[in-house]
Amino acid sequence: TITQYAFIDNELAKRNWAAAHLLIQPATYKFHGWAGEDG
Protein backbone atom coordinates (compact mmCIF):
# COMPACT_ATOMS: atom_id res chain seq x y z
CA THR A 1 0.00 0.00 0.00
CA ILE A 2 2.63 2.56 0.98
CA THR A 3 4.99 1.87 -1.91
CA GLN A 4 2.55 3.68 -4.18
CA TYR A 5 3.95 6.90 -2.66
CA ALA A 6 7.60 6.07 -3.36
CA PHE A 7 9.66 7.56 -6.21
CA ILE A 8 12.06 4.73 -7.03
CA ASP A 9 11.98 2.08 -9.78
CA ASN A 10 13.88 -0.61 -7.85
CA GLU A 11 11.27 -2.62 -5.96
CA LEU A 12 13.27 -3.35 -2.81
CA ALA A 13 14.54 0.23 -2.59
CA LYS A 14 11.00 1.49 -3.14
CA ARG A 15 9.64 -0.62 -0.28
CA ASN A 16 12.49 0.44 1.97
CA TRP A 17 11.94 4.14 1.20
CA ALA A 18 8.25 3.81 1.99
CA ALA A 19 8.90 2.00 5.26
CA ALA A 20 11.61 4.40 6.43
CA HIS A 21 9.69 7.56 5.56
CA LEU A 22 6.06 6.67 6.19
CA LEU A 23 5.92 4.16 9.03
CA ILE A 24 7.33 6.64 11.56
CA GLN A 25 4.32 8.91 10.99
CA PRO A 26 1.06 8.46 12.92
CA ALA A 27 -0.70 10.12 9.98
CA THR A 28 0.09 7.11 7.77
CA TYR A 29 -1.70 4.67 10.06
CA LYS A 30 -4.70 6.93 10.60
CA PHE A 31 -5.13 7.76 6.92
CA HIS A 32 -5.07 4.10 5.87
CA GLY A 33 -7.29 2.86 8.69
CA TRP A 34 -4.58 0.88 10.49
CA ALA A 35 -4.99 2.73 13.80
CA GLY A 36 -7.62 1.97 16.40
CA GLU A 37 -10.31 4.38 17.54
CA ASP A 38 -7.99 5.66 20.27
CA GLY A 39 -5.24 6.28 17.71
PDB file of all heavy atoms in Angstrom:
ATOM      1  N   THR A   1       0.820  -1.205   0.000  1.00  0.00           N
ATOM      2  CA  THR A   1       0.000   0.000   0.000  1.00  0.00           C
ATOM      3  C   THR A   1       0.854   1.256   0.000  1.00  0.00           C
ATOM      4  O   THR A   1       0.616   2.191  -0.776  1.00  0.00           O
ATOM      5  CB  THR A   1      -0.934   0.015   1.229  1.00  0.00           C
ATOM      6  OG1 THR A   1      -1.835  -1.096   1.148  1.00  0.00           O
ATOM      7  CG2 THR A   1      -1.738   1.302   1.292  1.00  0.00           C
ATOM      8  N   ILE A   2       1.865   1.306   0.844  1.00  0.00           N
ATOM      9  CA  ILE A   2       2.625   2.555   0.976  1.00  0.00           C
ATOM     10  C   ILE A   2       3.677   2.739  -0.112  1.00  0.00           C
ATOM     11  O   ILE A   2       4.154   3.857  -0.314  1.00  0.00           O
ATOM     12  CB  ILE A   2       3.278   2.672   2.370  1.00  0.00           C
ATOM     13  CG1 ILE A   2       4.268   1.544   2.639  1.00  0.00           C
ATOM     14  CG2 ILE A   2       2.205   2.718   3.453  1.00  0.00           C
ATOM     15  CD1 ILE A   2       4.965   1.662   3.989  1.00  0.00           C
ATOM     16  N   THR A   3       4.020   1.682  -0.840  1.00  0.00           N
ATOM     17  CA  THR A   3       4.995   1.866  -1.909  1.00  0.00           C
ATOM     18  C   THR A   3       4.428   2.679  -3.068  1.00  0.00           C
ATOM     19  O   THR A   3       5.192   3.169  -3.909  1.00  0.00           O
ATOM     20  CB  THR A   3       5.511   0.525  -2.456  1.00  0.00           C
ATOM     21  OG1 THR A   3       4.412  -0.319  -2.806  1.00  0.00           O
ATOM     22  CG2 THR A   3       6.398  -0.174  -1.445  1.00  0.00           C
ATOM     23  N   GLN A   4       3.116   2.859  -3.106  1.00  0.00           N
ATOM     24  CA  GLN A   4       2.554   3.683  -4.180  1.00  0.00           C
ATOM     25  C   GLN A   4       2.964   5.151  -4.041  1.00  0.00           C
ATOM     26  O   GLN A   4       2.787   5.941  -4.970  1.00  0.00           O
ATOM     27  CB  GLN A   4       1.024   3.591  -4.174  1.00  0.00           C
ATOM     28  CG  GLN A   4       0.369   4.224  -2.963  1.00  0.00           C
ATOM     29  CD  GLN A   4      -1.142   4.176  -3.027  1.00  0.00           C
ATOM     30  OE1 GLN A   4      -1.752   4.778  -3.896  1.00  0.00           O
ATOM     31  NE2 GLN A   4      -1.738   3.426  -2.104  1.00  0.00           N
ATOM     32  N   TYR A   5       3.527   5.516  -2.880  1.00  0.00           N
ATOM     33  CA  TYR A   5       3.953   6.898  -2.663  1.00  0.00           C
ATOM     34  C   TYR A   5       5.458   7.074  -2.862  1.00  0.00           C
ATOM     35  O   TYR A   5       5.982   8.172  -2.668  1.00  0.00           O
ATOM     36  CB  TYR A   5       3.578   7.345  -1.251  1.00  0.00           C
ATOM     37  CG  TYR A   5       2.138   7.085  -0.901  1.00  0.00           C
ATOM     38  CD1 TYR A   5       1.793   6.136   0.057  1.00  0.00           C
ATOM     39  CD2 TYR A   5       1.111   7.761  -1.542  1.00  0.00           C
ATOM     40  CE1 TYR A   5       0.470   5.876   0.369  1.00  0.00           C
ATOM     41  CE2 TYR A   5      -0.215   7.511  -1.238  1.00  0.00           C
ATOM     42  CZ  TYR A   5      -0.530   6.555  -0.278  1.00  0.00           C
ATOM     43  OH  TYR A   5      -1.847   6.294   0.023  1.00  0.00           O
ATOM     44  N   ALA A   6       6.151   6.012  -3.225  1.00  0.00           N
ATOM     45  CA  ALA A   6       7.603   6.071  -3.364  1.00  0.00           C
ATOM     46  C   ALA A   6       7.989   6.470  -4.781  1.00  0.00           C
ATOM     47  O   ALA A   6       7.214   6.306  -5.721  1.00  0.00           O
ATOM     48  CB  ALA A   6       8.229   4.733  -2.991  1.00  0.00           C
ATOM     49  N   PHE A   7       9.234   6.952  -4.945  1.00  0.00           N
ATOM     50  CA  PHE A   7       9.665   7.559  -6.205  1.00  0.00           C
ATOM     51  C   PHE A   7      10.835   6.809  -6.824  1.00  0.00           C
ATOM     52  O   PHE A   7      11.684   7.412  -7.465  1.00  0.00           O
ATOM     53  CB  PHE A   7      10.081   9.008  -5.952  1.00  0.00           C
ATOM     54  CG  PHE A   7       9.138   9.752  -5.057  1.00  0.00           C
ATOM     55  CD1 PHE A   7       9.351   9.819  -3.691  1.00  0.00           C
ATOM     56  CD2 PHE A   7       8.027  10.366  -5.583  1.00  0.00           C
ATOM     57  CE1 PHE A   7       8.471  10.496  -2.865  1.00  0.00           C
ATOM     58  CE2 PHE A   7       7.138  11.040  -4.768  1.00  0.00           C
ATOM     59  CZ  PHE A   7       7.354  11.100  -3.408  1.00  0.00           C
ATOM     60  N   ILE A   8      10.890   5.507  -6.645  1.00  0.00           N
ATOM     61  CA  ILE A   8      12.058   4.726  -7.027  1.00  0.00           C
ATOM     62  C   ILE A   8      11.603   3.557  -7.895  1.00  0.00           C
ATOM     63  O   ILE A   8      10.532   2.977  -7.656  1.00  0.00           O
ATOM     64  CB  ILE A   8      12.786   4.203  -5.770  1.00  0.00           C
ATOM     65  CG1 ILE A   8      13.125   5.379  -4.830  1.00  0.00           C
ATOM     66  CG2 ILE A   8      14.044   3.429  -6.134  1.00  0.00           C
ATOM     67  CD1 ILE A   8      13.585   4.948  -3.460  1.00  0.00           C
ATOM     68  N   ASP A   9      12.398   3.172  -8.901  1.00  0.00           N
ATOM     69  CA  ASP A   9      11.976   2.084  -9.777  1.00  0.00           C
ATOM     70  C   ASP A   9      12.429   0.716  -9.278  1.00  0.00           C
ATOM     71  O   ASP A   9      11.852  -0.293  -9.662  1.00  0.00           O
ATOM     72  CB  ASP A   9      12.470   2.314 -11.209  1.00  0.00           C
ATOM     73  CG  ASP A   9      13.977   2.497 -11.302  1.00  0.00           C
ATOM     74  OD1 ASP A   9      14.618   2.602 -10.253  1.00  0.00           O
ATOM     75  OD2 ASP A   9      14.491   2.536 -12.436  1.00  0.00           O
ATOM     76  N   ASN A  10      13.444   0.657  -8.428  1.00  0.00           N
ATOM     77  CA  ASN A  10      13.876  -0.612  -7.854  1.00  0.00           C
ATOM     78  C   ASN A  10      12.906  -1.032  -6.757  1.00  0.00           C
ATOM     79  O   ASN A  10      12.644  -0.270  -5.822  1.00  0.00           O
ATOM     80  CB  ASN A  10      15.291  -0.483  -7.283  1.00  0.00           C
ATOM     81  CG  ASN A  10      15.766  -1.753  -6.615  1.00  0.00           C
ATOM     82  OD1 ASN A  10      15.464  -1.999  -5.451  1.00  0.00           O
ATOM     83  ND2 ASN A  10      16.498  -2.559  -7.349  1.00  0.00           N
ATOM     84  N   GLU A  11      12.362  -2.232  -6.846  1.00  0.00           N
ATOM     85  CA  GLU A  11      11.268  -2.621  -5.963  1.00  0.00           C
ATOM     86  C   GLU A  11      11.687  -2.683  -4.501  1.00  0.00           C
ATOM     87  O   GLU A  11      10.959  -2.208  -3.625  1.00  0.00           O
ATOM     88  CB  GLU A  11      10.698  -3.976  -6.397  1.00  0.00           C
ATOM     89  CG  GLU A  11       9.420  -4.371  -5.661  1.00  0.00           C
ATOM     90  CD  GLU A  11       8.284  -3.377  -5.852  1.00  0.00           C
ATOM     91  OE1 GLU A  11       8.228  -2.739  -6.926  1.00  0.00           O
ATOM     92  OE2 GLU A  11       7.456  -3.231  -4.920  1.00  0.00           O
ATOM     93  N   LEU A  12      12.842  -3.276  -4.198  1.00  0.00           N
ATOM     94  CA  LEU A  12      13.275  -3.353  -2.808  1.00  0.00           C
ATOM     95  C   LEU A  12      13.568  -1.965  -2.258  1.00  0.00           C
ATOM     96  O   LEU A  12      13.179  -1.632  -1.132  1.00  0.00           O
ATOM     97  CB  LEU A  12      14.506  -4.250  -2.667  1.00  0.00           C
ATOM     98  CG  LEU A  12      15.061  -4.402  -1.241  1.00  0.00           C
ATOM     99  CD1 LEU A  12      14.009  -4.972  -0.295  1.00  0.00           C
ATOM    100  CD2 LEU A  12      16.305  -5.280  -1.235  1.00  0.00           C
ATOM    101  N   ALA A  13      14.253  -1.134  -3.043  1.00  0.00           N
ATOM    102  CA  ALA A  13      14.542   0.229  -2.592  1.00  0.00           C
ATOM    103  C   ALA A  13      13.265   1.028  -2.406  1.00  0.00           C
ATOM    104  O   ALA A  13      13.146   1.842  -1.483  1.00  0.00           O
ATOM    105  CB  ALA A  13      15.457   0.924  -3.604  1.00  0.00           C
ATOM    106  N   LYS A  14      12.282   0.793  -3.253  1.00  0.00           N
ATOM    107  CA  LYS A  14      10.999   1.493  -3.135  1.00  0.00           C
ATOM    108  C   LYS A  14      10.301   1.113  -1.829  1.00  0.00           C
ATOM    109  O   LYS A  14       9.791   1.974  -1.111  1.00  0.00           O
ATOM    110  CB  LYS A  14      10.111   1.135  -4.328  1.00  0.00           C
ATOM    111  CG  LYS A  14       8.741   1.774  -4.296  1.00  0.00           C
ATOM    112  CD  LYS A  14       7.902   1.358  -5.497  1.00  0.00           C
ATOM    113  CE  LYS A  14       8.450   1.965  -6.771  1.00  0.00           C
ATOM    114  NZ  LYS A  14       7.510   1.767  -7.914  1.00  0.00           N
ATOM    115  N   ARG A  15      10.294  -0.170  -1.513  1.00  0.00           N
ATOM    116  CA  ARG A  15       9.641  -0.618  -0.282  1.00  0.00           C
ATOM    117  C   ARG A  15      10.387  -0.091   0.944  1.00  0.00           C
ATOM    118  O   ARG A  15       9.780   0.297   1.944  1.00  0.00           O
ATOM    119  CB  ARG A  15       9.565  -2.154  -0.258  1.00  0.00           C
ATOM    120  CG  ARG A  15       8.596  -2.710  -1.275  1.00  0.00           C
ATOM    121  CD  ARG A  15       8.733  -4.204  -1.436  1.00  0.00           C
ATOM    122  NE  ARG A  15       8.040  -4.961  -0.401  1.00  0.00           N
ATOM    123  CZ  ARG A  15       6.748  -5.243  -0.437  1.00  0.00           C
ATOM    124  NH1 ARG A  15       5.992  -4.808  -1.426  1.00  0.00           N
ATOM    125  NH2 ARG A  15       6.193  -5.966   0.517  1.00  0.00           N
ATOM    126  N   ASN A  16      11.710  -0.055   0.845  1.00  0.00           N
ATOM    127  CA  ASN A  16      12.488   0.436   1.971  1.00  0.00           C
ATOM    128  C   ASN A  16      12.282   1.927   2.171  1.00  0.00           C
ATOM    129  O   ASN A  16      12.173   2.405   3.310  1.00  0.00           O
ATOM    130  CB  ASN A  16      13.973   0.137   1.765  1.00  0.00           C
ATOM    131  CG  ASN A  16      14.786   0.457   2.999  1.00  0.00           C
ATOM    132  OD1 ASN A  16      14.551  -0.078   4.073  1.00  0.00           O
ATOM    133  ND2 ASN A  16      15.741   1.363   2.853  1.00  0.00           N
ATOM    134  N   TRP A  17      12.215   2.701   1.088  1.00  0.00           N
ATOM    135  CA  TRP A  17      11.939   4.136   1.203  1.00  0.00           C
ATOM    136  C   TRP A  17      10.598   4.356   1.876  1.00  0.00           C
ATOM    137  O   TRP A  17      10.476   5.191   2.786  1.00  0.00           O
ATOM    138  CB  TRP A  17      11.940   4.783  -0.182  1.00  0.00           C
ATOM    139  CG  TRP A  17      11.733   6.266  -0.139  1.00  0.00           C
ATOM    140  CD1 TRP A  17      12.701   7.235  -0.189  1.00  0.00           C
ATOM    141  CD2 TRP A  17      10.488   6.967  -0.026  1.00  0.00           C
ATOM    142  NE1 TRP A  17      12.125   8.490  -0.110  1.00  0.00           N
ATOM    143  CE2 TRP A  17      10.775   8.350  -0.010  1.00  0.00           C
ATOM    144  CE3 TRP A  17       9.160   6.568   0.073  1.00  0.00           C
ATOM    145  CZ2 TRP A  17       9.783   9.328   0.092  1.00  0.00           C
ATOM    146  CZ3 TRP A  17       8.158   7.534   0.179  1.00  0.00           C
ATOM    147  CH2 TRP A  17       8.479   8.897   0.181  1.00  0.00           C
ATOM    148  N   ALA A  18       9.590   3.633   1.430  1.00  0.00           N
ATOM    149  CA  ALA A  18       8.251   3.813   1.986  1.00  0.00           C
ATOM    150  C   ALA A  18       8.224   3.472   3.475  1.00  0.00           C
ATOM    151  O   ALA A  18       7.620   4.194   4.279  1.00  0.00           O
ATOM    152  CB  ALA A  18       7.251   2.941   1.225  1.00  0.00           C
ATOM    153  N   ALA A  19       8.877   2.383   3.858  1.00  0.00           N
ATOM    154  CA  ALA A  19       8.896   1.997   5.262  1.00  0.00           C
ATOM    155  C   ALA A  19       9.629   3.021   6.109  1.00  0.00           C
ATOM    156  O   ALA A  19       9.153   3.433   7.177  1.00  0.00           O
ATOM    157  CB  ALA A  19       9.538   0.616   5.419  1.00  0.00           C
ATOM    158  N   ALA A  20      10.800   3.465   5.651  1.00  0.00           N
ATOM    159  CA  ALA A  20      11.613   4.395   6.430  1.00  0.00           C
ATOM    160  C   ALA A  20      10.940   5.749   6.580  1.00  0.00           C
ATOM    161  O   ALA A  20      11.010   6.375   7.644  1.00  0.00           O
ATOM    162  CB  ALA A  20      12.987   4.559   5.767  1.00  0.00           C
ATOM    163  N   HIS A  21      10.257   6.218   5.544  1.00  0.00           N
ATOM    164  CA  HIS A  21       9.693   7.558   5.560  1.00  0.00           C
ATOM    165  C   HIS A  21       8.277   7.617   6.114  1.00  0.00           C
ATOM    166  O   HIS A  21       7.894   8.610   6.736  1.00  0.00           O
ATOM    167  CB  HIS A  21       9.688   8.147   4.145  1.00  0.00           C
ATOM    168  CG  HIS A  21      11.033   8.569   3.658  1.00  0.00           C
ATOM    169  ND1 HIS A  21      12.013   7.671   3.325  1.00  0.00           N
ATOM    170  CD2 HIS A  21      11.568   9.800   3.460  1.00  0.00           C
ATOM    171  CE1 HIS A  21      13.089   8.322   2.930  1.00  0.00           C
ATOM    172  NE2 HIS A  21      12.854   9.606   3.005  1.00  0.00           N
ATOM    173  N   LEU A  22       7.490   6.586   5.885  1.00  0.00           N
ATOM    174  CA  LEU A  22       6.062   6.674   6.193  1.00  0.00           C
ATOM    175  C   LEU A  22       5.640   5.955   7.463  1.00  0.00           C
ATOM    176  O   LEU A  22       4.657   6.348   8.091  1.00  0.00           O
ATOM    177  CB  LEU A  22       5.248   6.144   5.008  1.00  0.00           C
ATOM    178  CG  LEU A  22       5.413   6.932   3.708  1.00  0.00           C
ATOM    179  CD1 LEU A  22       4.622   6.271   2.582  1.00  0.00           C
ATOM    180  CD2 LEU A  22       4.984   8.377   3.887  1.00  0.00           C
ATOM    181  N   LEU A  23       6.361   4.916   7.863  1.00  0.00           N
ATOM    182  CA  LEU A  23       5.922   4.158   9.032  1.00  0.00           C
ATOM    183  C   LEU A  23       6.316   4.808  10.349  1.00  0.00           C
ATOM    184  O   LEU A  23       5.944   4.307  11.409  1.00  0.00           O
ATOM    185  CB  LEU A  23       6.466   2.726   8.974  1.00  0.00           C
ATOM    186  CG  LEU A  23       5.854   1.862   7.875  1.00  0.00           C
ATOM    187  CD1 LEU A  23       6.404   0.439   7.962  1.00  0.00           C
ATOM    188  CD2 LEU A  23       4.327   1.840   7.950  1.00  0.00           C
ATOM    189  N   ILE A  24       7.059   5.914  10.314  1.00  0.00           N
ATOM    190  CA  ILE A  24       7.327   6.642  11.555  1.00  0.00           C
ATOM    191  C   ILE A  24       6.251   7.690  11.819  1.00  0.00           C
ATOM    192  O   ILE A  24       6.267   8.338  12.865  1.00  0.00           O
ATOM    193  CB  ILE A  24       8.705   7.325  11.521  1.00  0.00           C
ATOM    194  CG1 ILE A  24       8.755   8.438  10.477  1.00  0.00           C
ATOM    195  CG2 ILE A  24       9.804   6.314  11.286  1.00  0.00           C
ATOM    196  CD1 ILE A  24      10.024   9.277  10.530  1.00  0.00           C
ATOM    197  N   GLN A  25       5.301   7.845  10.894  1.00  0.00           N
ATOM    198  CA  GLN A  25       4.319   8.908  10.988  1.00  0.00           C
ATOM    199  C   GLN A  25       2.953   8.379  11.413  1.00  0.00           C
ATOM    200  O   GLN A  25       2.362   7.545  10.714  1.00  0.00           O
ATOM    201  CB  GLN A  25       4.180   9.611   9.638  1.00  0.00           C
ATOM    202  CG  GLN A  25       5.464  10.234   9.158  1.00  0.00           C
ATOM    203  CD  GLN A  25       5.263  10.978   7.856  1.00  0.00           C
ATOM    204  OE1 GLN A  25       4.260  11.634   7.655  1.00  0.00           O
ATOM    205  NE2 GLN A  25       6.235  10.885   6.970  1.00  0.00           N
ATOM    206  N   PRO A  26       2.418   8.860  12.523  1.00  0.00           N
ATOM    207  CA  PRO A  26       1.063   8.458  12.916  1.00  0.00           C
ATOM    208  C   PRO A  26       0.037   8.726  11.824  1.00  0.00           C
ATOM    209  O   PRO A  26      -0.939   7.983  11.686  1.00  0.00           O
ATOM    210  CB  PRO A  26       0.798   9.314  14.157  1.00  0.00           C
ATOM    211  CG  PRO A  26       2.154   9.596  14.727  1.00  0.00           C
ATOM    212  CD  PRO A  26       3.054   9.730  13.536  1.00  0.00           C
ATOM    213  N   ALA A  27       0.253   9.779  11.031  1.00  0.00           N
ATOM    214  CA  ALA A  27      -0.700  10.117   9.975  1.00  0.00           C
ATOM    215  C   ALA A  27      -0.878   8.975   8.981  1.00  0.00           C
ATOM    216  O   ALA A  27      -1.977   8.772   8.440  1.00  0.00           O
ATOM    217  CB  ALA A  27      -0.234  11.379   9.241  1.00  0.00           C
ATOM    218  N   THR A  28       0.183   8.222   8.720  1.00  0.00           N
ATOM    219  CA  THR A  28       0.094   7.112   7.771  1.00  0.00           C
ATOM    220  C   THR A  28      -0.894   6.066   8.244  1.00  0.00           C
ATOM    221  O   THR A  28      -1.733   5.583   7.473  1.00  0.00           O
ATOM    222  CB  THR A  28       1.478   6.473   7.571  1.00  0.00           C
ATOM    223  OG1 THR A  28       2.381   7.438   7.025  1.00  0.00           O
ATOM    224  CG2 THR A  28       1.418   5.277   6.649  1.00  0.00           C
ATOM    225  N   TYR A  29      -0.833   5.710   9.508  1.00  0.00           N
ATOM    226  CA  TYR A  29      -1.700   4.674  10.056  1.00  0.00           C
ATOM    227  C   TYR A  29      -3.155   5.147  10.119  1.00  0.00           C
ATOM    228  O   TYR A  29      -4.084   4.396   9.823  1.00  0.00           O
ATOM    229  CB  TYR A  29      -1.219   4.279  11.453  1.00  0.00           C
ATOM    230  CG  TYR A  29       0.209   3.786  11.481  1.00  0.00           C
ATOM    231  CD1 TYR A  29       1.270   4.659  11.733  1.00  0.00           C
ATOM    232  CD2 TYR A  29       0.516   2.445  11.255  1.00  0.00           C
ATOM    233  CE1 TYR A  29       2.579   4.216  11.753  1.00  0.00           C
ATOM    234  CE2 TYR A  29       1.824   1.988  11.279  1.00  0.00           C
ATOM    235  CZ  TYR A  29       2.855   2.881  11.524  1.00  0.00           C
ATOM    236  OH  TYR A  29       4.155   2.443  11.539  1.00  0.00           O
ATOM    237  N   LYS A  30      -3.346   6.392  10.501  1.00  0.00           N
ATOM    238  CA  LYS A  30      -4.702   6.926  10.597  1.00  0.00           C
ATOM    239  C   LYS A  30      -5.339   7.038   9.223  1.00  0.00           C
ATOM    240  O   LYS A  30      -6.508   6.680   9.028  1.00  0.00           O
ATOM    241  CB  LYS A  30      -4.672   8.280  11.302  1.00  0.00           C
ATOM    242  CG  LYS A  30      -4.251   8.206  12.762  1.00  0.00           C
ATOM    243  CD  LYS A  30      -4.161   9.592  13.396  1.00  0.00           C
ATOM    244  CE  LYS A  30      -3.689   9.513  14.831  1.00  0.00           C
ATOM    245  NZ  LYS A  30      -3.545  10.871  15.443  1.00  0.00           N
ATOM    246  N   PHE A  31      -4.594   7.551   8.263  1.00  0.00           N
ATOM    247  CA  PHE A  31      -5.135   7.758   6.922  1.00  0.00           C
ATOM    248  C   PHE A  31      -5.559   6.439   6.279  1.00  0.00           C
ATOM    249  O   PHE A  31      -6.583   6.370   5.596  1.00  0.00           O
ATOM    250  CB  PHE A  31      -4.096   8.462   6.040  1.00  0.00           C
ATOM    251  CG  PHE A  31      -4.543   8.662   4.629  1.00  0.00           C
ATOM    252  CD1 PHE A  31      -5.457   9.657   4.316  1.00  0.00           C
ATOM    253  CD2 PHE A  31      -4.053   7.867   3.604  1.00  0.00           C
ATOM    254  CE1 PHE A  31      -5.889   9.844   3.005  1.00  0.00           C
ATOM    255  CE2 PHE A  31      -4.471   8.050   2.294  1.00  0.00           C
ATOM    256  CZ  PHE A  31      -5.391   9.044   1.996  1.00  0.00           C
ATOM    257  N   HIS A  32      -4.779   5.374   6.510  1.00  0.00           N
ATOM    258  CA  HIS A  32      -5.071   4.098   5.869  1.00  0.00           C
ATOM    259  C   HIS A  32      -5.948   3.184   6.720  1.00  0.00           C
ATOM    260  O   HIS A  32      -6.221   2.050   6.315  1.00  0.00           O
ATOM    261  CB  HIS A  32      -3.767   3.386   5.514  1.00  0.00           C
ATOM    262  CG  HIS A  32      -3.002   4.062   4.423  1.00  0.00           C
ATOM    263  ND1 HIS A  32      -2.030   5.015   4.670  1.00  0.00           N
ATOM    264  CD2 HIS A  32      -3.082   3.961   3.071  1.00  0.00           C
ATOM    265  CE1 HIS A  32      -1.538   5.442   3.530  1.00  0.00           C
ATOM    266  NE2 HIS A  32      -2.157   4.836   2.547  1.00  0.00           N
ATOM    267  N   GLY A  33      -6.383   3.658   7.869  1.00  0.00           N
ATOM    268  CA  GLY A  33      -7.287   2.855   8.692  1.00  0.00           C
ATOM    269  C   GLY A  33      -6.614   1.754   9.475  1.00  0.00           C
ATOM    270  O   GLY A  33      -7.264   0.775   9.863  1.00  0.00           O
ATOM    271  N   TRP A  34      -5.314   1.902   9.744  1.00  0.00           N
ATOM    272  CA  TRP A  34      -4.583   0.879  10.495  1.00  0.00           C
ATOM    273  C   TRP A  34      -4.492   1.199  11.979  1.00  0.00           C
ATOM    274  O   TRP A  34      -3.945   0.409  12.744  1.00  0.00           O
ATOM    275  CB  TRP A  34      -3.172   0.720   9.920  1.00  0.00           C
ATOM    276  CG  TRP A  34      -3.162   0.332   8.477  1.00  0.00           C
ATOM    277  CD1 TRP A  34      -4.103  -0.418   7.823  1.00  0.00           C
ATOM    278  CD2 TRP A  34      -2.171   0.678   7.494  1.00  0.00           C
ATOM    279  NE1 TRP A  34      -3.764  -0.572   6.499  1.00  0.00           N
ATOM    280  CE2 TRP A  34      -2.585   0.096   6.266  1.00  0.00           C
ATOM    281  CE3 TRP A  34      -0.988   1.402   7.535  1.00  0.00           C
ATOM    282  CZ2 TRP A  34      -1.844   0.230   5.092  1.00  0.00           C
ATOM    283  CZ3 TRP A  34      -0.246   1.546   6.374  1.00  0.00           C
ATOM    284  CH2 TRP A  34      -0.663   0.963   5.161  1.00  0.00           C
ATOM    285  N   ALA A  35      -4.994   2.340  12.385  1.00  0.00           N
ATOM    286  CA  ALA A  35      -4.985   2.729  13.797  1.00  0.00           C
ATOM    287  C   ALA A  35      -6.357   2.454  14.402  1.00  0.00           C
ATOM    288  O   ALA A  35      -7.383   2.485  13.710  1.00  0.00           O
ATOM    289  CB  ALA A  35      -4.637   4.207  13.950  1.00  0.00           C
ATOM    290  N   GLY A  36      -6.365   2.196  15.710  1.00  0.00           N
ATOM    291  CA  GLY A  36      -7.622   1.972  16.401  1.00  0.00           C
ATOM    292  C   GLY A  36      -8.355   3.277  16.653  1.00  0.00           C
ATOM    293  O   GLY A  36      -7.865   4.364  16.330  1.00  0.00           O
ATOM    294  N   GLU A  37      -9.522   3.185  17.263  1.00  0.00           N
ATOM    295  CA  GLU A  37     -10.307   4.384  17.537  1.00  0.00           C
ATOM    296  C   GLU A  37      -9.586   5.340  18.470  1.00  0.00           C
ATOM    297  O   GLU A  37      -9.790   6.554  18.403  1.00  0.00           O
ATOM    298  CB  GLU A  37     -11.664   3.991  18.131  1.00  0.00           C
ATOM    299  CG  GLU A  37     -12.581   3.257  17.151  1.00  0.00           C
ATOM    300  CD  GLU A  37     -13.934   2.973  17.756  1.00  0.00           C
ATOM    301  OE1 GLU A  37     -14.170   3.379  18.922  1.00  0.00           O
ATOM    302  OE2 GLU A  37     -14.768   2.351  17.072  1.00  0.00           O
ATOM    303  N   ASP A  38      -8.742   4.797  19.349  1.00  0.00           N
ATOM    304  CA  ASP A  38      -7.988   5.661  20.266  1.00  0.00           C
ATOM    305  C   ASP A  38      -6.685   6.168  19.654  1.00  0.00           C
ATOM    306  O   ASP A  38      -5.903   6.856  20.316  1.00  0.00           O
ATOM    307  CB  ASP A  38      -7.686   4.914  21.562  1.00  0.00           C
ATOM    308  CG  ASP A  38      -6.836   3.665  21.351  1.00  0.00           C
ATOM    309  OD1 ASP A  38      -6.580   3.307  20.172  1.00  0.00           O
ATOM    310  OD2 ASP A  38      -6.417   3.054  22.357  1.00  0.00           O
ATOM    311  N   GLY A  39      -6.436   5.827  18.391  1.00  0.00           N
ATOM    312  CA  GLY A  39      -5.235   6.278  17.707  1.00  0.00           C
ATOM    313  C   GLY A  39      -4.047   5.350  17.831  1.00  0.00           C
ATOM    314  O   GLY A  39      -3.032   5.546  17.153  1.00  0.00           O
TER     315      GLY A  39
END
